[in-house]
Amino acid sequence: MPQKSKIFPIVKSGLHPRNKHLERYNFSQLTLACPELVKFVSINQYNNESIDFSDAEAVITLNKALLKYFYQIDKWNIPDNYLCPPIPGRADYIHYMADLLSSSNKNTLPQGKSITILDIGVGANCIYPLIGNREYGWQFVGSDIDPVAIKSAKQIISSNDILGKAIECRLQSSSSNIFSNILKAGEVFDMTICNPPFHSSLEEASAGTQRKWKNLGIKKEKETMLNFRGQNNELWYEGGEQTFVQNMIEQSAQFSTTCFWYSTLISKKENLLGVYNYLKKAKAVDIKTINMKQGQKASRVVAWTFLTQSQQSKWREERWMK
């Protein structure tokens, strides 16, 4: 007896309304944009077209197709065992940060080359700058402590003429610094973004990967495969997400007038109280918490500024209202 099709909603729940990935993947369109995806597409148990999300090469090729079809990024790849990000969720962060900039600019969205964003931990995939530039025309600086990641991100940028000189990558030479050694004298940013490592140890990161496999219904013999991939510095940090964000907040206070909005993803809701306490101690003037949801996964962004109202007005007049 044939397997009955499972009815899935056309529009994915929870994604930002401007997110280009609101609807289910259209594999007919994606395979036209990226023919190499064809060999990974098959009919799943619900009689729907899909890929095997336990296959690292399939997931990477899906990302290539998404980037090419939706963002005109013709050439994209990452080194073996580096983090392969889910693009819809990454796009959500960018769109919500665009809304935050808009709310600080009398509900007018700042766009174009005058807007500069710092991506802390740009990674080998360079995904946030790619989406942010193609969606809003923003300029980016991406920082990372991993020279292989920086080399990969630079290769992606140089391989796509459409990006021009919109994205610059800088190597952070000190693992204890976040902004020092990256920010240049007199340089300012309209926003910083960050997807921090949220595990506190390699063991915790491995356990998290095992849970993901289980949620996907992957059999035990496949549990060691690396479709979620990632280097140590991408997945875990001593003290975990809360310690990383604490360090970021403390160091951001040293550059209080260098950036309008600092921001970071917070994956663990239980870390929020500690983050708020750190921000209060650092004397942040304003704090925003933005809730996001991608399907069953809930996350949030915490953003903060040290600028007073008069400083914010001056920033708008000098940078966003030209």
Protein backbone atom coordinates (compact mmCIF):
# COMPACT_ATOMS: atom_id res chain seq x y z
CA MET A 1 0.00 0.00 0.00
CA PRO A 2 1.55 3.38 -0.96
CA GLN A 3 2.69 5.75 1.76
CA LYS A 4 0.25 8.60 2.27
CA SER A 5 1.62 12.11 1.81
CA LYS A 6 2.00 14.15 4.95
CA ILE A 7 0.51 17.62 4.66
CA PHE A 8 3.02 20.33 5.57
CA PRO A 9 2.15 24.04 5.78
CA ILE A 10 3.20 26.03 2.73
CA VAL A 11 4.56 28.85 4.88
CA LYS A 12 7.03 27.99 7.63
CA SER A 13 5.94 29.15 11.08
CA GLY A 14 7.78 31.83 12.96
CA LEU A 15 10.09 33.23 10.29
CA HIS A 16 10.39 36.98 9.75
CA PRO A 17 7.85 38.19 7.12
CA ARG A 18 10.64 39.49 4.84
CA ASN A 19 12.54 36.20 5.02
CA LYS A 20 12.85 34.74 1.50
CA HIS A 21 12.63 31.24 2.95
CA LEU A 22 9.10 31.46 4.32
CA GLU A 23 7.86 28.77 1.96
CA ARG A 24 9.01 25.16 1.78
CA TYR A 25 11.99 24.49 -0.45
CA ASN A 26 11.03 24.44 -4.13
CA PHE A 27 13.46 21.85 -5.45
CA SER A 28 12.44 22.43 -9.06
CA GLN A 29 13.66 26.01 -8.80
CA LEU A 30 16.71 25.17 -6.70
CA THR A 31 17.94 22.42 -9.01
CA LEU A 32 17.61 24.73 -12.01
CA ALA A 33 19.81 27.25 -10.21
CA CYS A 34 22.22 24.58 -9.00
CA PRO A 35 22.10 21.42 -11.13
CA GLU A 36 24.51 19.58 -8.83
CA LEU A 37 21.71 19.46 -6.25
CA VAL A 38 19.69 17.09 -8.47
CA LYS A 39 21.53 13.95 -7.37
CA PHE A 40 20.67 14.60 -3.72
CA VAL A 41 16.93 15.15 -4.19
CA SER A 42 14.60 12.19 -3.68
CA ILE A 43 11.08 11.39 -2.55
CA ASN A 44 10.93 10.99 1.21
CA GLN A 45 8.63 8.79 3.29
CA TYR A 46 5.86 11.38 2.98
CA ASN A 47 6.04 11.42 -0.84
CA ASN A 48 7.58 14.89 -0.81
CA GLU A 49 10.79 16.02 -2.50
CA SER A 50 13.61 16.48 0.01
CA ILE A 51 17.26 15.70 0.68
CA ASP A 52 18.94 13.48 3.25
CA PHE A 53 19.86 15.99 5.96
CA SER A 54 22.26 13.44 7.45
CA ASP A 55 24.42 13.76 4.31
CA ALA A 56 26.95 16.58 4.75
CA GLU A 57 27.52 16.99 1.02
CA ALA A 58 23.78 17.22 0.39
CA VAL A 59 23.33 19.95 3.01
CA ILE A 60 26.25 21.96 1.64
CA THR A 61 24.88 21.65 -1.89
CA LEU A 62 21.44 22.78 -0.71
CA ASN A 63 23.10 25.89 0.76
CA LYS A 64 24.87 26.52 -2.55
CA ALA A 65 21.52 26.36 -4.31
CA LEU A 66 19.78 28.66 -1.81
CA LEU A 67 22.57 31.23 -1.99
CA LYS A 68 22.60 31.16 -5.78
CA TYR A 69 18.84 31.27 -6.30
CA PHE A 70 17.90 33.82 -3.65
CA TYR A 71 21.05 35.94 -3.25
CA GLN A 72 22.94 35.59 -6.56
CA ILE A 73 25.99 34.13 -4.84
CA ASP A 74 27.35 31.94 -7.61
CA LYS A 75 30.32 30.42 -5.82
CA TRP A 76 30.21 29.25 -2.22
CA ASN A 77 31.90 26.43 -0.36
CA ILE A 78 33.45 25.69 3.02
CA PRO A 79 36.45 23.59 4.11
CA ASP A 80 35.87 20.10 5.46
CA ASN A 81 34.52 19.95 9.01
CA TYR A 82 33.57 23.63 9.22
CA LEU A 83 30.12 24.80 10.27
CA CYS A 84 27.44 24.55 7.58
CA PRO A 85 24.73 27.00 8.69
CA PRO A 86 20.97 26.71 8.16
CA ILE A 87 20.33 29.70 5.91
CA PRO A 88 16.68 30.52 6.82
CA GLY A 89 17.56 31.06 10.49
CA ARG A 90 20.62 33.15 9.61
CA ALA A 91 18.49 35.32 7.35
CA ASP A 92 16.03 35.87 10.22
CA TYR A 93 18.74 37.44 12.41
CA ILE A 94 19.62 39.87 9.61
CA HIS A 95 16.00 40.90 9.04
CA TYR A 96 15.29 41.46 12.71
CA MET A 97 18.42 43.59 13.00
CA ALA A 98 17.22 45.62 10.03
CA ASP A 99 14.00 46.22 11.98
CA LEU A 100 16.01 47.31 15.01
CA LEU A 101 17.94 49.84 12.94
CA SER A 102 14.64 51.05 11.50
CA SER A 103 13.15 51.53 14.97
CA SER A 104 16.13 53.72 15.85
CA ASN A 105 15.68 55.75 12.66
CA LYS A 106 12.06 56.88 12.89
CA ASN A 107 10.90 53.66 11.21
CA THR A 108 12.98 54.29 8.12
CA LEU A 109 15.22 51.37 7.23
CA PRO A 110 18.86 52.45 6.80
CA GLN A 111 20.20 50.78 3.68
CA GLY A 112 23.18 50.94 1.38
CA LYS A 113 26.90 51.42 1.69
CA SER A 114 26.71 53.94 4.52
CA ILE A 115 25.61 51.18 6.92
CA THR A 116 28.50 49.18 8.37
CA ILE A 117 28.08 45.98 10.37
CA LEU A 118 30.67 44.00 12.35
CA ASP A 119 30.13 40.22 12.33
CA ILE A 120 31.97 38.72 15.31
CA GLY A 121 32.94 35.17 14.35
CA VAL A 122 32.26 35.42 10.63
CA GLY A 123 33.25 31.78 10.15
CA ALA A 124 34.40 30.00 7.03
CA ASN A 125 30.87 30.28 5.59
CA CYS A 126 30.64 34.13 5.75
CA ILE A 127 26.87 33.71 5.76
CA TYR A 128 25.68 36.80 7.65
CA PRO A 129 27.64 39.29 5.51
CA LEU A 130 26.48 37.56 2.33
CA ILE A 131 22.81 37.81 3.26
CA GLY A 132 23.07 41.28 4.82
CA ASN A 133 24.81 42.74 1.80
CA ARG A 134 22.52 41.16 -0.77
CA GLU A 135 19.33 42.06 1.13
CA TYR A 136 20.16 45.57 2.30
CA GLY A 137 23.38 46.67 0.61
CA TRP A 138 25.19 46.94 3.94
CA GLN A 139 28.97 46.93 4.24
CA PHE A 140 30.52 44.33 6.57
CA VAL A 141 33.65 43.57 8.51
CA GLY A 142 33.90 39.95 9.59
CA SER A 143 36.29 38.89 12.36
CA ASP A 144 37.43 35.43 13.38
CA ILE A 145 40.24 33.85 15.43
CA ASP A 146 40.66 31.02 12.91
CA PRO A 147 42.97 31.79 9.95
CA VAL A 148 41.44 28.95 7.90
CA ALA A 149 37.98 30.47 8.37
CA ILE A 150 39.24 33.90 7.34
CA LYS A 151 40.93 32.45 4.26
CA SER A 152 37.72 30.63 3.28
CA ALA A 153 35.53 33.72 3.78
CA LYS A 154 37.93 35.82 1.70
CA GLN A 155 37.81 33.20 -1.05
CA ILE A 156 34.01 33.34 -1.13
CA ILE A 157 34.09 37.14 -1.37
CA SER A 158 36.72 37.28 -4.12
CA SER A 159 34.92 34.57 -6.12
CA ASN A 160 31.71 36.61 -6.39
CA ASP A 161 32.14 39.85 -8.31
CA ILE A 162 28.67 40.99 -7.28
CA LEU A 163 30.00 41.62 -3.76
CA GLY A 164 32.68 44.07 -4.87
CA LYS A 165 34.48 45.42 -1.81
CA ALA A 166 31.44 45.25 0.47
CA ILE A 167 32.89 42.67 2.87
CA GLU A 168 36.27 42.78 4.61
CA CYS A 169 37.61 39.96 6.79
CA ARG A 170 40.03 40.49 9.66
CA LEU A 171 41.89 37.91 11.72
CA GLN A 172 41.61 38.29 15.51
CA SER A 173 45.08 37.47 16.81
CA SER A 174 44.03 37.18 20.47
CA SER A 175 41.43 34.64 21.63
CA SER A 176 40.72 36.78 24.70
CA ASN A 177 39.85 39.91 22.70
CA ILE A 178 36.67 40.56 20.79
CA PHE A 179 36.94 44.17 19.65
CA SER A 180 40.57 45.12 20.33
CA ASN A 181 42.86 44.27 17.39
CA ILE A 182 39.82 44.38 15.09
CA LEU A 183 38.47 47.91 15.39
CA LYS A 184 40.60 50.57 13.72
CA ALA A 185 41.15 54.06 15.10
CA GLY A 186 38.21 56.31 14.30
CA GLU A 187 36.13 53.45 12.87
CA VAL A 188 32.44 53.19 13.78
CA PHE A 189 29.77 50.55 13.20
CA ASP A 190 26.02 50.85 13.12
CA MET A 191 25.67 47.37 14.58
CA THR A 192 27.56 44.28 15.63
CA ILE A 193 26.14 40.79 15.25
CA CYS A 194 27.32 37.52 16.76
CA ASN A 195 26.34 33.88 16.87
CA PRO A 196 28.42 32.82 19.89
CA PRO A 197 29.60 29.29 20.64
CA PHE A 198 26.99 28.09 23.11
CA HIS A 199 28.48 24.88 24.50
CA SER A 200 30.92 24.95 27.42
CA SER A 201 32.98 21.90 26.41
CA LEU A 202 33.63 19.46 23.58
CA GLU A 203 31.62 16.83 25.47
CA GLU A 204 28.61 19.13 25.73
CA ALA A 205 28.89 20.00 22.03
CA SER A 206 29.01 16.30 21.12
CA ALA A 207 25.93 15.60 23.24
CA GLY A 208 24.13 18.44 21.47
CA THR A 209 24.96 16.92 18.09
CA GLN A 210 23.64 13.54 19.25
CA ARG A 211 20.34 15.18 20.24
CA LYS A 212 20.06 16.73 16.78
CA TRP A 213 20.58 13.34 15.17
CA LYS A 214 17.89 11.86 17.38
CA ASN A 215 15.46 14.66 16.53
CA LEU A 216 16.03 13.97 12.84
CA GLY A 217 15.33 10.29 13.40
CA ILE A 218 18.80 9.27 12.25
CA LYS A 219 19.75 5.70 13.07
CA LYS A 220 22.60 5.07 15.46
CA GLU A 221 25.08 3.95 12.81
CA LYS A 222 24.92 7.45 11.31
CA GLU A 223 25.33 9.37 14.54
CA THR A 224 29.03 9.97 14.02
CA MET A 225 28.55 11.63 10.62
CA LEU A 226 29.26 15.34 10.47
CA ASN A 227 26.46 17.12 8.67
CA PHE A 228 26.22 19.62 11.53
CA ARG A 229 30.01 19.96 11.51
CA GLY A 230 32.00 22.73 13.10
CA GLN A 231 35.39 23.49 14.56
CA ASN A 232 35.88 23.68 18.32
CA ASN A 233 35.87 27.49 18.37
CA GLU A 234 32.58 27.47 16.43
CA LEU A 235 30.80 25.10 18.81
CA TRP A 236 32.14 25.59 22.31
CA TYR A 237 33.87 28.12 24.54
CA GLU A 238 35.17 27.62 28.07
CA GLY A 239 32.33 28.74 30.31
CA GLY A 240 29.84 28.45 27.46
CA GLU A 241 27.59 31.02 25.85
CA GLN A 242 27.06 33.03 29.03
CA THR A 243 30.78 33.55 29.66
CA PHE A 244 31.40 34.50 26.02
CA VAL A 245 28.59 37.05 26.06
CA GLN A 246 29.73 38.41 29.42
CA ASN A 247 33.17 39.05 27.95
CA MET A 248 31.59 40.68 24.92
CA ILE A 249 29.47 43.00 27.05
CA GLU A 250 32.39 44.01 29.27
CA GLN A 251 34.59 44.71 26.26
CA SER A 252 31.84 46.55 24.37
CA ALA A 253 31.66 49.06 27.23
CA GLN A 254 35.24 50.05 26.39
CA PHE A 255 34.02 51.08 22.93
CA SER A 256 30.76 52.69 24.04
CA THR A 257 30.60 55.31 21.26
CA THR A 258 32.08 53.11 18.51
CA CYS A 259 28.84 51.31 17.73
CA PHE A 260 25.15 52.22 17.86
CA TRP A 261 23.78 48.73 18.60
CA TYR A 262 25.72 45.75 19.90
CA SER A 263 23.88 42.46 19.55
CA THR A 264 24.23 38.72 20.04
CA LEU A 265 22.14 35.61 19.67
CA ILE A 266 21.24 33.91 22.94
CA SER A 267 20.33 30.28 22.36
CA LYS A 268 19.68 29.34 25.98
CA LYS A 269 16.78 31.20 27.58
CA GLU A 270 18.15 30.50 31.05
CA ASN A 271 21.17 32.70 30.23
CA LEU A 272 19.07 35.83 29.78
CA LEU A 273 18.99 36.89 33.44
CA GLY A 274 22.77 36.77 33.66
CA VAL A 275 23.07 38.74 30.42
CA TYR A 276 20.74 41.44 31.74
CA ASN A 277 22.78 41.67 34.94
CA TYR A 278 26.01 42.07 32.95
CA LEU A 279 24.42 44.81 30.84
CA LYS A 280 23.19 46.65 33.92
CA LYS A 281 26.67 46.47 35.42
CA ALA A 282 28.16 47.75 32.15
CA LYS A 283 25.68 50.68 32.24
CA ALA A 284 23.95 50.02 28.94
CA VAL A 285 21.51 52.84 28.18
CA ASP A 286 18.95 50.71 26.35
CA ILE A 287 18.45 46.94 26.02
CA LYS A 288 16.24 45.11 23.51
CA THR A 289 15.27 41.44 23.46
CA ILE A 290 13.95 40.11 20.16
CA ASN A 291 12.35 36.67 20.11
CA MET A 292 12.73 34.50 17.02
CA LYS A 293 11.32 31.13 16.05
CA GLN A 294 12.21 28.78 13.23
CA GLY A 295 9.76 25.91 13.33
CA GLN A 296 10.15 24.19 16.70
CA LYS A 297 13.36 26.06 17.52
CA ALA A 298 13.08 29.20 19.64
CA SER A 299 15.94 31.66 20.06
CA ARG A 300 16.39 35.33 20.77
CA VAL A 301 18.67 38.29 20.13
CA VAL A 302 19.76 40.65 22.86
CA ALA A 303 20.86 44.09 21.68
CA TRP A 304 22.21 47.01 23.68
CA THR A 305 23.50 50.53 23.23
CA PHE A 306 25.56 52.88 25.35
CA LEU A 307 24.52 55.96 23.39
CA THR A 308 22.40 58.59 25.10
CA GLN A 309 19.35 60.02 23.34
CA SER A 310 21.32 63.06 22.18
CA GLN A 311 24.14 60.85 20.91
CA GLN A 312 21.61 58.67 19.07
CA SER A 313 20.08 61.74 17.42
CA LYS A 314 23.49 62.95 16.31
CA TRP A 315 24.31 59.47 14.94
CA ARG A 316 21.08 59.45 12.90
CA GLU A 317 21.70 62.90 11.47
CA GLU A 318 25.33 62.24 10.56
CA ARG A 319 25.04 58.68 9.21
CA TRP A 320 21.48 57.69 8.37
CA MET A 321 19.80 60.91 7.22
CA LYS A 322 22.31 62.13 4.66
